Amino acid sequence: MDRNVILFIVLTAAVLIGWDAFVIGPQREAIRAARAAEAAAAPKVESPEGGIAGVSLSPVTLTVEEALTKAPGRVKIDTPSLVGSINLAGGRIDDLSLKNYRETIDPNSAMIRLLSPDDTEHGHYVEQGFVAVQDGASGGVRTERVTWSAPAGATLSPGSPVVMTARAGDLTFTKTYSVDADFMFTVKQAVRNDGATEARIAPYGLVVQRGIPDGAGKQPILHEGPVAVVGDKLYE
């Protein structure tokens, strides 16, 4: 090999190693230290009655079919691409399957399930809601613990949104679900306070999954660790 080529390789390696050691390395450590300091300085916020809003710690004991029938009521979801339902307990989407995709090449095999109720082996659900505390009231309200109501026989489908409501004390919560012909859901939320005292309200959104789904090891890339958006910052 030509001596100039060898010299070029050696110098390039030295530059890269030096750049990482003296420039990138210190910057990386500074970012880690800043994040650690920010996390340590952040106030510890607990939702009313303890725990994390929207996340149930109940034991997993039910099959999907049992969990679906256990709900106090459900709003059907029916689109050209999706089928499932919204659980009126908490107003969460915890039942969703892909109409046009099957578990095997057999066209009669089960549809690919995206979401399933919390109290099943691989519970996986999506939820949006509020944590609210009214001045002078004991405890607080978490909408994931509230039973929502919807028009009788309502079905969420393209062009047919569904409005769900829930009431807790002087507060009335509203969710309007809509969906397109493919896979996009839109959820609009509102709160009305009919009382004379102020209420402190914070919205939240969750995607919760229990354990590792069957067949996950077949994928070459898997995300590891938590993901959260707090304010306008992404933490992962």
Foldseek 3Di string as FASTA:
>chain_A
DDPVVVVVVVVVVVVVVCCCVPPVVVVVVVVVVVVVVVVVPDDDDAFWPGDHFPDDPDAADDAQVVVVVPAPDWAWEDALFKTFTAGLQLRKGAWIFTPPAAPDPPPPHHTHTDGGDPNHQKHKIKHKWKWKDWPPDPTTDRSNRWGKDWPPPHHAYAPGWTKIWTDDVQKIKIWIWHDHNHGDIDIDIDMDGRDPTDMDMDMDIDIDTHDDDPPPVVDPDDDDDDWDQDPNDIDD
